[in-house]
Amino acid sequence: MLTVVIPKLPMRNTFATKEFYLNKPGFTKLGDCGDYIIMKKDNFEIHFFEFKDLDPKKNYGQVYIRTNNIENAYREFLNNNVSIHPNGALETKFWGQKEFSLLDSDHNLLTFGQV
């Protein structure tokens, strides 16, 4: 039986990725093997693999994260100076989801949504 999905996203620089996720959205580090790191926030976990030749402008890494309190998550990220995607401010979409999005230091798109 399937129980959980854990996304794996590319990163160019382990240090920059750790700095972003630890200091901006407030993740904690679960594991660090040099070229592979594991970050966690609440019940959500992301794995990152090193891809030194990644072109951030051509990166299509994306993950959709459900939350049960999107207003608090949005406010927390703003308070931690996390840059919200220019087209990703908090809003209710025409399909009924309330969402916002941000890009990490490698242009992985993280979209947060609540029904």
PDB file of N, CA and C in Angstrom:
ATOM      1  N   MET A   1       0.841  -1.181   0.000  1.00  0.00           N
ATOM      2  CA  MET A   1       0.000   0.000   0.000  1.00  0.00           C
ATOM      3  C   MET A   1       0.887   1.245   0.000  1.00  0.00           C
ATOM      4  N   LEU A   2       0.510   2.212  -0.787  1.00  0.00           N
ATOM      5  CA  LEU A   2       1.247   3.469  -0.837  1.00  0.00           C
ATOM      6  C   LEU A   2       0.876   4.327   0.370  1.00  0.00           C
ATOM      7  N   THR A   3       1.858   4.985   0.951  1.00  0.00           N
ATOM      8  CA  THR A   3       1.566   5.792   2.136  1.00  0.00           C
ATOM      9  C   THR A   3       2.007   7.249   2.025  1.00  0.00           C
ATOM     10  N   VAL A   4       3.034   7.544   1.220  1.00  0.00           N
ATOM     11  CA  VAL A   4       3.518   8.922   1.153  1.00  0.00           C
ATOM     12  C   VAL A   4       4.326   9.112  -0.131  1.00  0.00           C
ATOM     13  N   VAL A   5       4.355  10.335  -0.633  1.00  0.00           N
ATOM     14  CA  VAL A   5       5.180  10.696  -1.777  1.00  0.00           C
ATOM     15  C   VAL A   5       6.214  11.706  -1.298  1.00  0.00           C
ATOM     16  N   ILE A   6       7.467  11.496  -1.665  1.00  0.00           N
ATOM     17  CA  ILE A   6       8.533  12.430  -1.303  1.00  0.00           C
ATOM     18  C   ILE A   6       9.194  12.902  -2.586  1.00  0.00           C
ATOM     19  N   PRO A   7       9.052  14.195  -2.900  1.00  0.00           N
ATOM     20  CA  PRO A   7       9.664  14.700  -4.130  1.00  0.00           C
ATOM     21  C   PRO A   7      11.180  14.778  -4.023  1.00  0.00           C
ATOM     22  N   LYS A   8      11.837  14.597  -5.178  1.00  0.00           N
ATOM     23  CA  LYS A   8      13.283  14.749  -5.288  1.00  0.00           C
ATOM     24  C   LYS A   8      13.520  15.850  -6.324  1.00  0.00           C
ATOM     25  N   LEU A   9      14.180  16.917  -5.912  1.00  0.00           N
ATOM     26  CA  LEU A   9      14.394  18.069  -6.776  1.00  0.00           C
ATOM     27  C   LEU A   9      15.879  18.318  -6.997  1.00  0.00           C
ATOM     28  N   PRO A  10      16.238  18.877  -8.147  1.00  0.00           N
ATOM     29  CA  PRO A  10      17.645  19.154  -8.420  1.00  0.00           C
ATOM     30  C   PRO A  10      18.130  20.407  -7.695  1.00  0.00           C
ATOM     31  N   MET A  11      19.428  20.416  -7.408  1.00  0.00           N
ATOM     32  CA  MET A  11      20.072  21.597  -6.821  1.00  0.00           C
ATOM     33  C   MET A  11      21.462  21.736  -7.426  1.00  0.00           C
ATOM     34  N   ARG A  12      21.912  22.968  -7.597  1.00  0.00           N
ATOM     35  CA  ARG A  12      23.254  23.198  -8.118  1.00  0.00           C
ATOM     36  C   ARG A  12      24.292  23.200  -7.016  1.00  0.00           C
ATOM     37  N   ASN A  13      23.903  23.691  -5.838  1.00  0.00           N
ATOM     38  CA  ASN A  13      24.865  23.927  -4.772  1.00  0.00           C
ATOM     39  C   ASN A  13      24.233  23.537  -3.443  1.00  0.00           C
ATOM     40  N   THR A  14      24.811  22.552  -2.781  1.00  0.00           N
ATOM     41  CA  THR A  14      24.264  22.061  -1.518  1.00  0.00           C
ATOM     42  C   THR A  14      24.166  23.167  -0.481  1.00  0.00           C
ATOM     43  N   PHE A  15      25.220  23.970  -0.351  1.00  0.00           N
ATOM     44  CA  PHE A  15      25.231  25.039   0.643  1.00  0.00           C
ATOM     45  C   PHE A  15      24.105  26.035   0.387  1.00  0.00           C
ATOM     46  N   ALA A  16      23.940  26.483  -0.858  1.00  0.00           N
ATOM     47  CA  ALA A  16      22.899  27.463  -1.187  1.00  0.00           C
ATOM     48  C   ALA A  16      21.505  26.904  -0.925  1.00  0.00           C
ATOM     49  N   THR A  17      21.298  25.629  -1.258  1.00  0.00           N
ATOM     50  CA  THR A  17      19.993  25.004  -1.028  1.00  0.00           C
ATOM     51  C   THR A  17      19.696  24.912   0.470  1.00  0.00           C
ATOM     52  N   LYS A  18      20.683  24.466   1.247  1.00  0.00           N
ATOM     53  CA  LYS A  18      20.482  24.395   2.702  1.00  0.00           C
ATOM     54  C   LYS A  18      20.204  25.779   3.268  1.00  0.00           C
ATOM     55  N   GLU A  19      20.968  26.775   2.861  1.00  0.00           N
ATOM     56  CA  GLU A  19      20.771  28.146   3.354  1.00  0.00           C
ATOM     57  C   GLU A  19      19.356  28.624   3.062  1.00  0.00           C
ATOM     58  N   PHE A  20      18.890  28.396   1.839  1.00  0.00           N
ATOM     59  CA  PHE A  20      17.547  28.842   1.467  1.00  0.00           C
ATOM     60  C   PHE A  20      16.492  28.160   2.330  1.00  0.00           C
ATOM     61  N   TYR A  21      16.503  26.830   2.367  1.00  0.00           N
ATOM     62  CA  TYR A  21      15.434  26.101   3.043  1.00  0.00           C
ATOM     63  C   TYR A  21      15.494  26.221   4.567  1.00  0.00           C
ATOM     64  N   LEU A  22      16.668  26.328   5.132  1.00  0.00           N
ATOM     65  CA  LEU A  22      16.781  26.485   6.587  1.00  0.00           C
ATOM     66  C   LEU A  22      16.410  27.896   7.027  1.00  0.00           C
ATOM     67  N   ASN A  23      16.828  28.905   6.268  1.00  0.00           N
ATOM     68  CA  ASN A  23      16.666  30.287   6.697  1.00  0.00           C
ATOM     69  C   ASN A  23      15.436  30.982   6.155  1.00  0.00           C
ATOM     70  N   LYS A  24      14.890  30.536   5.067  1.00  0.00           N
ATOM     71  CA  LYS A  24      13.725  31.215   4.486  1.00  0.00           C
ATOM     72  C   LYS A  24      12.422  30.529   4.893  1.00  0.00           C
ATOM     73  N   PRO A  25      12.079  29.376   4.299  1.00  0.00           N
ATOM     74  CA  PRO A  25      10.807  28.767   4.678  1.00  0.00           C
ATOM     75  C   PRO A  25      10.840  27.992   5.994  1.00  0.00           C
ATOM     76  N   GLY A  26      11.991  27.923   6.658  1.00  0.00           N
ATOM     77  CA  GLY A  26      12.042  27.332   7.983  1.00  0.00           C
ATOM     78  C   GLY A  26      12.012  25.818   8.031  1.00  0.00           C
ATOM     79  N   PHE A  27      12.638  25.162   7.080  1.00  0.00           N
ATOM     80  CA  PHE A  27      12.759  23.704   7.108  1.00  0.00           C
ATOM     81  C   PHE A  27      13.862  23.319   8.095  1.00  0.00           C
ATOM     82  N   THR A  28      13.897  22.050   8.451  1.00  0.00           N
ATOM     83  CA  THR A  28      14.997  21.498   9.227  1.00  0.00           C
ATOM     84  C   THR A  28      15.698  20.466   8.364  1.00  0.00           C
ATOM     85  N   LYS A  29      16.956  20.217   8.650  1.00  0.00           N
ATOM     86  CA  LYS A  29      17.745  19.256   7.877  1.00  0.00           C
ATOM     87  C   LYS A  29      17.628  17.887   8.531  1.00  0.00           C
ATOM     88  N   LEU A  30      17.215  16.892   7.746  1.00  0.00           N
ATOM     89  CA  LEU A  30      17.139  15.515   8.237  1.00  0.00           C
ATOM     90  C   LEU A  30      18.360  14.706   7.860  1.00  0.00           C
ATOM     91  N   GLY A  31      18.946  15.041   6.720  1.00  0.00           N
ATOM     92  CA  GLY A  31      20.089  14.279   6.253  1.00  0.00           C
ATOM     93  C   GLY A  31      20.939  15.092   5.306  1.00  0.00           C
ATOM     94  N   ASP A  32      22.237  14.787   5.291  1.00  0.00           N
ATOM     95  CA  ASP A  32      23.167  15.506   4.434  1.00  0.00           C
ATOM     96  C   ASP A  32      24.304  14.560   4.068  1.00  0.00           C
ATOM     97  N   CYS A  33      24.313  14.145   2.814  1.00  0.00           N
ATOM     98  CA  CYS A  33      25.374  13.251   2.326  1.00  0.00           C
ATOM     99  C   CYS A  33      26.269  13.977   1.336  1.00  0.00           C
ATOM    100  N   GLY A  34      26.356  15.286   1.445  1.00  0.00           N
ATOM    101  CA  GLY A  34      27.188  16.066   0.540  1.00  0.00           C
ATOM    102  C   GLY A  34      26.459  16.452  -0.722  1.00  0.00           C
ATOM    103  N   ASP A  35      26.225  15.487  -1.603  1.00  0.00           N
ATOM    104  CA  ASP A  35      25.546  15.792  -2.854  1.00  0.00           C
ATOM    105  C   ASP A  35      24.069  15.396  -2.826  1.00  0.00           C
ATOM    106  N   TYR A  36      23.568  15.047  -1.646  1.00  0.00           N
ATOM    107  CA  TYR A  36      22.167  14.672  -1.467  1.00  0.00           C
ATOM    108  C   TYR A  36      21.743  15.137  -0.079  1.00  0.00           C
ATOM    109  N   ILE A  37      20.691  15.958  -0.028  1.00  0.00           N
ATOM    110  CA  ILE A  37      20.222  16.431   1.278  1.00  0.00           C
ATOM    111  C   ILE A  37      18.721  16.180   1.417  1.00  0.00           C
ATOM    112  N   ILE A  38      18.288  16.083   2.659  1.00  0.00           N
ATOM    113  CA  ILE A  38      16.884  15.853   2.981  1.00  0.00           C
ATOM    114  C   ILE A  38      16.440  16.954   3.927  1.00  0.00           C
ATOM    115  N   MET A  39      15.370  17.654   3.530  1.00  0.00           N
ATOM    116  CA  MET A  39      14.836  18.755   4.334  1.00  0.00           C
ATOM    117  C   MET A  39      13.391  18.424   4.706  1.00  0.00           C
ATOM    118  N   LYS A  40      12.956  18.953   5.870  1.00  0.00           N
ATOM    119  CA  LYS A  40      11.608  18.658   6.355  1.00  0.00           C
ATOM    120  C   LYS A  40      10.995  19.888   6.995  1.00  0.00           C
ATOM    121  N   LYS A  41       9.692  20.051   6.806  1.00  0.00           N
ATOM    122  CA  LYS A  41       8.907  21.073   7.501  1.00  0.00           C
ATOM    123  C   LYS A  41       7.558  20.448   7.814  1.00  0.00           C
ATOM    124  N   ASP A  42       7.175  20.489   9.078  1.00  0.00           N
ATOM    125  CA  ASP A  42       5.943  19.853   9.536  1.00  0.00           C
ATOM    126  C   ASP A  42       5.965  18.383   9.101  1.00  0.00           C
ATOM    127  N   ASN A  43       4.964  17.938   8.342  1.00  0.00           N
ATOM    128  CA  ASN A  43       4.917  16.541   7.884  1.00  0.00           C
ATOM    129  C   ASN A  43       5.351  16.393   6.433  1.00  0.00           C
ATOM    130  N   PHE A  44       6.021  17.404   5.908  1.00  0.00           N
ATOM    131  CA  PHE A  44       6.425  17.407   4.504  1.00  0.00           C
ATOM    132  C   PHE A  44       7.937  17.298   4.388  1.00  0.00           C
ATOM    133  N   GLU A  45       8.401  16.447   3.482  1.00  0.00           N
ATOM    134  CA  GLU A  45       9.823  16.196   3.300  1.00  0.00           C
ATOM    135  C   GLU A  45      10.178  16.362   1.828  1.00  0.00           C
ATOM    136  N   ILE A  46      11.321  16.988   1.551  1.00  0.00           N
ATOM    137  CA  ILE A  46      11.847  17.112   0.189  1.00  0.00           C
ATOM    138  C   ILE A  46      13.275  16.595   0.185  1.00  0.00           C
ATOM    139  N   HIS A  47      13.615  15.829  -0.847  1.00  0.00           N
ATOM    140  CA  HIS A  47      14.984  15.379  -1.058  1.00  0.00           C
ATOM    141  C   HIS A  47      15.561  16.185  -2.217  1.00  0.00           C
ATOM    142  N   PHE A  48      16.846  16.499  -2.127  1.00  0.00           N
ATOM    143  CA  PHE A  48      17.531  17.253  -3.180  1.00  0.00           C
ATOM    144  C   PHE A  48      18.766  16.487  -3.618  1.00  0.00           C
ATOM    145  N   PHE A  49      18.973  16.409  -4.919  1.00  0.00           N
ATOM    146  CA  PHE A  49      20.162  15.766  -5.475  1.00  0.00           C
ATOM    147  C   PHE A  49      20.975  16.815  -6.227  1.00  0.00           C
ATOM    148  N   GLU A  50      22.290  16.666  -6.153  1.00  0.00           N
ATOM    149  CA  GLU A  50      23.170  17.633  -6.794  1.00  0.00           C
ATOM    150  C   GLU A  50      23.149  17.457  -8.316  1.00  0.00           C
ATOM    151  N   PHE A  51      22.987  18.579  -9.010  1.00  0.00           N
ATOM    152  CA  PHE A  51      23.005  18.633 -10.465  1.00  0.00           C
ATOM    153  C   PHE A  51      23.724  19.928 -10.823  1.00  0.00           C
ATOM    154  N   LYS A  52      25.060  19.879 -10.793  1.00  0.00           N
ATOM    155  CA  LYS A  52      25.888  21.078 -10.948  1.00  0.00           C
ATOM    156  C   LYS A  52      25.641  21.821 -12.256  1.00  0.00           C
ATOM    157  N   ASP A  53      25.273  21.109 -13.317  1.00  0.00           N
ATOM    158  CA  ASP A  53      25.065  21.742 -14.622  1.00  0.00           C
ATOM    159  C   ASP A  53      23.634  22.232 -14.828  1.00  0.00           C
ATOM    160  N   LEU A  54      22.826  22.212 -13.781  1.00  0.00           N
ATOM    161  CA  LEU A  54      21.440  22.670 -13.886  1.00  0.00           C
ATOM    162  C   LEU A  54      21.401  24.135 -14.308  1.00  0.00           C
ATOM    163  N   ASP A  55      20.620  24.430 -15.320  1.00  0.00           N
ATOM    164  CA  ASP A  55      20.357  25.812 -15.719  1.00  0.00           C
ATOM    165  C   ASP A  55      19.034  26.210 -15.067  1.00  0.00           C
ATOM    166  N   PRO A  56      19.071  27.092 -14.063  1.00  0.00           N
ATOM    167  CA  PRO A  56      17.831  27.428 -13.351  1.00  0.00           C
ATOM    168  C   PRO A  56      16.733  27.954 -14.268  1.00  0.00           C
ATOM    169  N   LYS A  57      17.109  28.612 -15.347  1.00  0.00           N
ATOM    170  CA  LYS A  57      16.107  29.153 -16.274  1.00  0.00           C
ATOM    171  C   LYS A  57      15.425  28.051 -17.080  1.00  0.00           C
ATOM    172  N   LYS A  58      16.006  26.835 -17.068  1.00  0.00           N
ATOM    173  CA  LYS A  58      15.418  25.704 -17.785  1.00  0.00           C
ATOM    174  C   LYS A  58      14.971  24.603 -16.833  1.00  0.00           C
ATOM    175  N   ASN A  59      14.928  24.901 -15.552  1.00  0.00           N
ATOM    176  CA  ASN A  59      14.532  23.914 -14.556  1.00  0.00           C
ATOM    177  C   ASN A  59      13.008  23.844 -14.463  1.00  0.00           C
ATOM    178  N   TYR A  60      12.476  22.648 -14.615  1.00  0.00           N
ATOM    179  CA  TYR A  60      11.033  22.457 -14.517  1.00  0.00           C
ATOM    180  C   TYR A  60      10.653  21.685 -13.252  1.00  0.00           C
ATOM    181  N   GLY A  61      11.561  21.654 -12.257  1.00  0.00           N
ATOM    182  CA  GLY A  61      11.257  20.987 -10.992  1.00  0.00           C
ATOM    183  C   GLY A  61      10.077  21.671 -10.315  1.00  0.00           C
ATOM    184  N   GLN A  62       9.071  20.889  -9.956  1.00  0.00           N
ATOM    185  CA  GLN A  62       7.870  21.441  -9.330  1.00  0.00           C
ATOM    186  C   GLN A  62       7.323  20.461  -8.301  1.00  0.00           C
ATOM    187  N   VAL A  63       6.703  21.014  -7.282  1.00  0.00           N
ATOM    188  CA  VAL A  63       6.010  20.184  -6.308  1.00  0.00           C
ATOM    189  C   VAL A  63       4.791  20.972  -5.812  1.00  0.00           C
ATOM    190  N   TYR A  64       3.690  20.255  -5.607  1.00  0.00           N
ATOM    191  CA  TYR A  64       2.457  20.856  -5.096  1.00  0.00           C
ATOM    192  C   TYR A  64       2.283  20.362  -3.670  1.00  0.00           C
ATOM    193  N   ILE A  65       2.140  21.292  -2.734  1.00  0.00           N
ATOM    194  CA  ILE A  65       2.090  20.967  -1.308  1.00  0.00           C
ATOM    195  C   ILE A  65       0.738  21.393  -0.751  1.00  0.00           C
ATOM    196  N   ARG A  66      -0.004  20.447  -0.235  1.00  0.00           N
ATOM    197  CA  ARG A  66      -1.294  20.788   0.393  1.00  0.00           C
ATOM    198  C   ARG A  66      -1.053  21.250   1.826  1.00  0.00           C
ATOM    199  N   THR A  67      -1.851  22.209   2.244  1.00  0.00           N
ATOM    200  CA  THR A  67      -1.783  22.717   3.605  1.00  0.00           C
ATOM    201  C   THR A  67      -3.193  22.869   4.156  1.00  0.00           C
ATOM    202  N   ASN A  68      -3.315  22.875   5.471  1.00  0.00           N
ATOM    203  CA  ASN A  68      -4.637  23.072   6.072  1.00  0.00           C
ATOM    204  C   ASN A  68      -4.784  24.468   6.655  1.00  0.00           C
ATOM    205  N   ASN A  69      -3.757  25.324   6.479  1.00  0.00           N
ATOM    206  CA  ASN A  69      -3.850  26.716   6.926  1.00  0.00           C
ATOM    207  C   ASN A  69      -2.969  27.584   6.037  1.00  0.00           C
ATOM    208  N   ILE A  70      -3.453  27.812   4.837  1.00  0.00           N
ATOM    209  CA  ILE A  70      -2.642  28.495   3.835  1.00  0.00           C
ATOM    210  C   ILE A  70      -2.344  29.947   4.202  1.00  0.00           C
ATOM    211  N   GLU A  71      -3.265  30.607   4.877  1.00  0.00           N
ATOM    212  CA  GLU A  71      -3.014  32.002   5.260  1.00  0.00           C
ATOM    213  C   GLU A  71      -1.825  32.107   6.213  1.00  0.00           C
ATOM    214  N   ASN A  72      -1.748  31.199   7.188  1.00  0.00           N
ATOM    215  CA  ASN A  72      -0.610  31.209   8.117  1.00  0.00           C
ATOM    216  C   ASN A  72       0.692  30.869   7.414  1.00  0.00           C
ATOM    217  N   ALA A  73       0.656  29.883   6.511  1.00  0.00           N
ATOM    218  CA  ALA A  73       1.866  29.520   5.763  1.00  0.00           C
ATOM    219  C   ALA A  73       2.340  30.705   4.935  1.00  0.00           C
ATOM    220  N   TYR A  74       1.437  31.354   4.251  1.00  0.00           N
ATOM    221  CA  TYR A  74       1.779  32.520   3.418  1.00  0.00           C
ATOM    222  C   TYR A  74       2.389  33.631   4.269  1.00  0.00           C
ATOM    223  N   ARG A  75       1.748  33.935   5.381  1.00  0.00           N
ATOM    224  CA  ARG A  75       2.231  34.994   6.287  1.00  0.00           C
ATOM    225  C   ARG A  75       3.603  34.631   6.857  1.00  0.00           C
ATOM    226  N   GLU A  76       3.795  33.370   7.230  1.00  0.00           N
ATOM    227  CA  GLU A  76       5.080  32.923   7.770  1.00  0.00           C
ATOM    228  C   GLU A  76       6.197  33.120   6.743  1.00  0.00           C
ATOM    229  N   PHE A  77       5.930  32.734   5.507  1.00  0.00           N
ATOM    230  CA  PHE A  77       6.950  32.892   4.467  1.00  0.00           C
ATOM    231  C   PHE A  77       7.252  34.365   4.224  1.00  0.00           C
ATOM    232  N   LEU A  78       6.227  35.198   4.166  1.00  0.00           N
ATOM    233  CA  LEU A  78       6.458  36.639   3.982  1.00  0.00           C
ATOM    234  C   LEU A  78       7.269  37.204   5.143  1.00  0.00           C
ATOM    235  N   ASN A  79       6.955  36.794   6.375  1.00  0.00           N
ATOM    236  CA  ASN A  79       7.691  37.273   7.550  1.00  0.00           C
ATOM    237  C   ASN A  79       9.152  36.836   7.540  1.00  0.00           C
ATOM    238  N   ASN A  80       9.449  35.714   6.854  1.00  0.00           N
ATOM    239  CA  ASN A  80      10.827  35.220   6.739  1.00  0.00           C
ATOM    240  C   ASN A  80      11.502  35.696   5.461  1.00  0.00           C
ATOM    241  N   ASN A  81      10.906  36.703   4.808  1.00  0.00           N
ATOM    242  CA  ASN A  81      11.456  37.296   3.582  1.00  0.00           C
ATOM    243  C   ASN A  81      11.613  36.295   2.446  1.00  0.00           C
ATOM    244  N   VAL A  82      10.698  35.353   2.364  1.00  0.00           N
ATOM    245  CA  VAL A  82      10.676  34.439   1.226  1.00  0.00           C
ATOM    246  C   VAL A  82      10.011  35.186   0.076  1.00  0.00           C
ATOM    247  N   SER A  83      10.673  35.204  -1.062  1.00  0.00           N
ATOM    248  CA  SER A  83      10.102  35.867  -2.237  1.00  0.00           C
ATOM    249  C   SER A  83       9.005  34.992  -2.836  1.00  0.00           C
ATOM    250  N   ILE A  84       7.819  35.539  -2.913  1.00  0.00           N
ATOM    251  CA  ILE A  84       6.698  34.855  -3.550  1.00  0.00           C
ATOM    252  C   ILE A  84       6.868  35.002  -5.060  1.00  0.00           C
ATOM    253  N   HIS A  85       6.531  33.978  -5.808  1.00  0.00           N
ATOM    254  CA  HIS A  85       6.631  34.024  -7.264  1.00  0.00           C
ATOM    255  C   HIS A  85       5.854  35.242  -7.773  1.00  0.00           C
ATOM    256  N   PRO A  86       6.393  35.962  -8.764  1.00  0.00           N
ATOM    257  CA  PRO A  86       5.702  37.165  -9.269  1.00  0.00           C
ATOM    258  C   PRO A  86       4.262  36.909  -9.710  1.00  0.00           C
ATOM    259  N   ASN A  87       3.969  35.704 -10.186  1.00  0.00           N
ATOM    260  CA  ASN A  87       2.596  35.357 -10.580  1.00  0.00           C
ATOM    261  C   ASN A  87       1.952  34.421  -9.570  1.00  0.00           C
ATOM    262  N   GLY A  88       2.507  34.370  -8.347  1.00  0.00           N
ATOM    263  CA  GLY A  88       2.050  33.358  -7.404  1.00  0.00           C
ATOM    264  C   GLY A  88       1.546  33.875  -6.080  1.00  0.00           C
ATOM    265  N   ALA A  89       1.037  35.107  -6.044  1.00  0.00           N
ATOM    266  CA  ALA A  89       0.498  35.636  -4.789  1.00  0.00           C
ATOM    267  C   ALA A  89      -0.705  34.799  -4.341  1.00  0.00           C
ATOM    268  N   LEU A  90      -0.980  34.829  -3.062  1.00  0.00           N
ATOM    269  CA  LEU A  90      -2.097  34.072  -2.502  1.00  0.00           C
ATOM    270  C   LEU A  90      -3.409  34.524  -3.126  1.00  0.00           C
ATOM    271  N   GLU A  91      -4.123  33.569  -3.692  1.00  0.00           N
ATOM    272  CA  GLU A  91      -5.431  33.862  -4.280  1.00  0.00           C
ATOM    273  C   GLU A  91      -6.219  32.578  -4.434  1.00  0.00           C
ATOM    274  N   THR A  92      -7.523  32.720  -4.560  1.00  0.00           N
ATOM    275  CA  THR A  92      -8.379  31.578  -4.851  1.00  0.00           C
ATOM    276  C   THR A  92      -8.469  31.440  -6.357  1.00  0.00           C
ATOM    277  N   LYS A  93      -8.081  30.288  -6.855  1.00  0.00           N
ATOM    278  CA  LYS A  93      -8.075  30.015  -8.291  1.00  0.00           C
ATOM    279  C   LYS A  93      -9.490  29.681  -8.755  1.00  0.00           C
ATOM    280  N   PHE A  94      -9.713  29.752 -10.062  1.00  0.00           N
ATOM    281  CA  PHE A  94     -11.054  29.498 -10.589  1.00  0.00           C
ATOM    282  C   PHE A  94     -11.511  28.070 -10.345  1.00  0.00           C
ATOM    283  N   TRP A  95     -10.579  27.152 -10.060  1.00  0.00           N
ATOM    284  CA  TRP A  95     -10.957  25.762  -9.778  1.00  0.00           C
ATOM    285  C   TRP A  95     -11.236  25.537  -8.288  1.00  0.00           C
ATOM    286  N   GLY A  96     -11.188  26.617  -7.490  1.00  0.00           N
ATOM    287  CA  GLY A  96     -11.598  26.542  -6.097  1.00  0.00           C
ATOM    288  C   GLY A  96     -10.477  26.385  -5.086  1.00  0.00           C
ATOM    289  N   GLN A  97      -9.259  26.134  -5.539  1.00  0.00           N
ATOM    290  CA  GLN A  97      -8.126  26.013  -4.622  1.00  0.00           C
ATOM    291  C   GLN A  97      -7.596  27.397  -4.270  1.00  0.00           C
ATOM    292  N   LYS A  98      -7.259  27.593  -3.008  1.00  0.00           N
ATOM    293  CA  LYS A  98      -6.536  28.792  -2.596  1.00  0.00           C
ATOM    294  C   LYS A  98      -5.061  28.424  -2.662  1.00  0.00           C
ATOM    295  N   GLU A  99      -4.249  29.222  -3.396  1.00  0.00           N
ATOM    296  CA  GLU A  99      -2.869  28.846  -3.658  1.00  0.00           C
ATOM    297  C   GLU A  99      -1.926  30.039  -3.625  1.00  0.00           C
ATOM    298  N   PHE A 100      -0.633  29.722  -3.418  1.00  0.00           N
ATOM    299  CA  PHE A 100       0.459  30.647  -3.678  1.00  0.00           C
ATOM    300  C   PHE A 100       1.678  29.830  -4.065  1.00  0.00           C
ATOM    301  N   SER A 101       2.655  30.486  -4.695  1.00  0.00           N
ATOM    302  CA  SER A 101       3.838  29.775  -5.186  1.00  0.00           C
ATOM    303  C   SER A 101       5.101  30.560  -4.898  1.00  0.00           C
ATOM    304  N   LEU A 102       6.208  29.839  -4.828  1.00  0.00           N
ATOM    305  CA  LEU A 102       7.516  30.468  -4.696  1.00  0.00           C
ATOM    306  C   LEU A 102       8.539  29.658  -5.470  1.00  0.00           C
ATOM    307  N   LEU A 103       9.651  30.299  -5.784  1.00  0.00           N
ATOM    308  CA  LEU A 103      10.773  29.639  -6.437  1.00  0.00           C
ATOM    309  C   LEU A 103      11.925  29.574  -5.458  1.00  0.00           C
ATOM    310  N   ASP A 104      12.603  28.424  -5.399  1.00  0.00           N
ATOM    311  CA  ASP A 104      13.788  28.344  -4.556  1.00  0.00           C
ATOM    312  C   ASP A 104      15.000  28.865  -5.329  1.00  0.00           C
ATOM    313  N   SER A 105      16.173  28.726  -4.766  1.00  0.00           N
ATOM    314  CA  SER A 105      17.386  29.282  -5.364  1.00  0.00           C
ATOM    315  C   SER A 105      17.766  28.620  -6.690  1.00  0.00           C
ATOM    316  N   ASP A 106      17.172  27.463  -7.005  1.00  0.00           N
ATOM    317  CA  ASP A 106      17.424  26.792  -8.279  1.00  0.00           C
ATOM    318  C   ASP A 106      16.220  26.837  -9.211  1.00  0.00           C
ATOM    319  N   HIS A 107      15.239  27.646  -8.865  1.00  0.00           N
ATOM    320  CA  HIS A 107      13.999  27.822  -9.622  1.00  0.00           C
ATOM    321  C   HIS A 107      13.113  26.586  -9.600  1.00  0.00           C
ATOM    322  N   ASN A 108      13.225  25.765  -8.557  1.00  0.00           N
ATOM    323  CA  ASN A 108      12.215  24.737  -8.329  1.00  0.00           C
ATOM    324  C   ASN A 108      10.963  25.463  -7.856  1.00  0.00           C
ATOM    325  N   LEU A 109       9.830  25.151  -8.465  1.00  0.00           N
ATOM    326  CA  LEU A 109       8.580  25.809  -8.130  1.00  0.00           C
ATOM    327  C   LEU A 109       7.864  25.034  -7.025  1.00  0.00           C
ATOM    328  N   LEU A 110       7.590  25.709  -5.914  1.00  0.00           N
ATOM    329  CA  LEU A 110       6.809  25.125  -4.827  1.00  0.00           C
ATOM    330  C   LEU A 110       5.480  25.852  -4.782  1.00  0.00           C
ATOM    331  N   THR A 111       4.406  25.111  -5.025  1.00  0.00           N
ATOM    332  CA  THR A 111       3.062  25.672  -4.971  1.00  0.00           C
ATOM    333  C   THR A 111       2.356  25.092  -3.762  1.00  0.00           C
ATOM    334  N   PHE A 112       1.772  25.959  -2.973  1.00  0.00           N
ATOM    335  CA  PHE A 112       1.049  25.571  -1.758  1.00  0.00           C
ATOM    336  C   PHE A 112      -0.436  25.770  -2.022  1.00  0.00           C
ATOM    337  N   GLY A 113      -1.256  24.794  -1.639  1.00  0.00           N
ATOM    338  CA  GLY A 113      -2.677  24.891  -1.905  1.00  0.00           C
ATOM    339  C   GLY A 113      -3.534  24.338  -0.789  1.00  0.00           C
ATOM    340  N   GLN A 114      -4.724  24.919  -0.685  1.00  0.00           N
ATOM    341  CA  GLN A 114      -5.718  24.473   0.293  1.00  0.00           C
ATOM    342  C   GLN A 114      -7.081  24.454  -0.390  1.00  0.00           C
ATOM    343  N   VAL A 115      -7.826  23.376  -0.144  1.00  0.00           N
ATOM    344  CA  VAL A 115      -9.176  23.260  -0.722  1.00  0.00           C
ATOM    345  C   VAL A 115     -10.065  24.311  -0.110  1.00  0.00           C
TER     346      VAL A 115
END
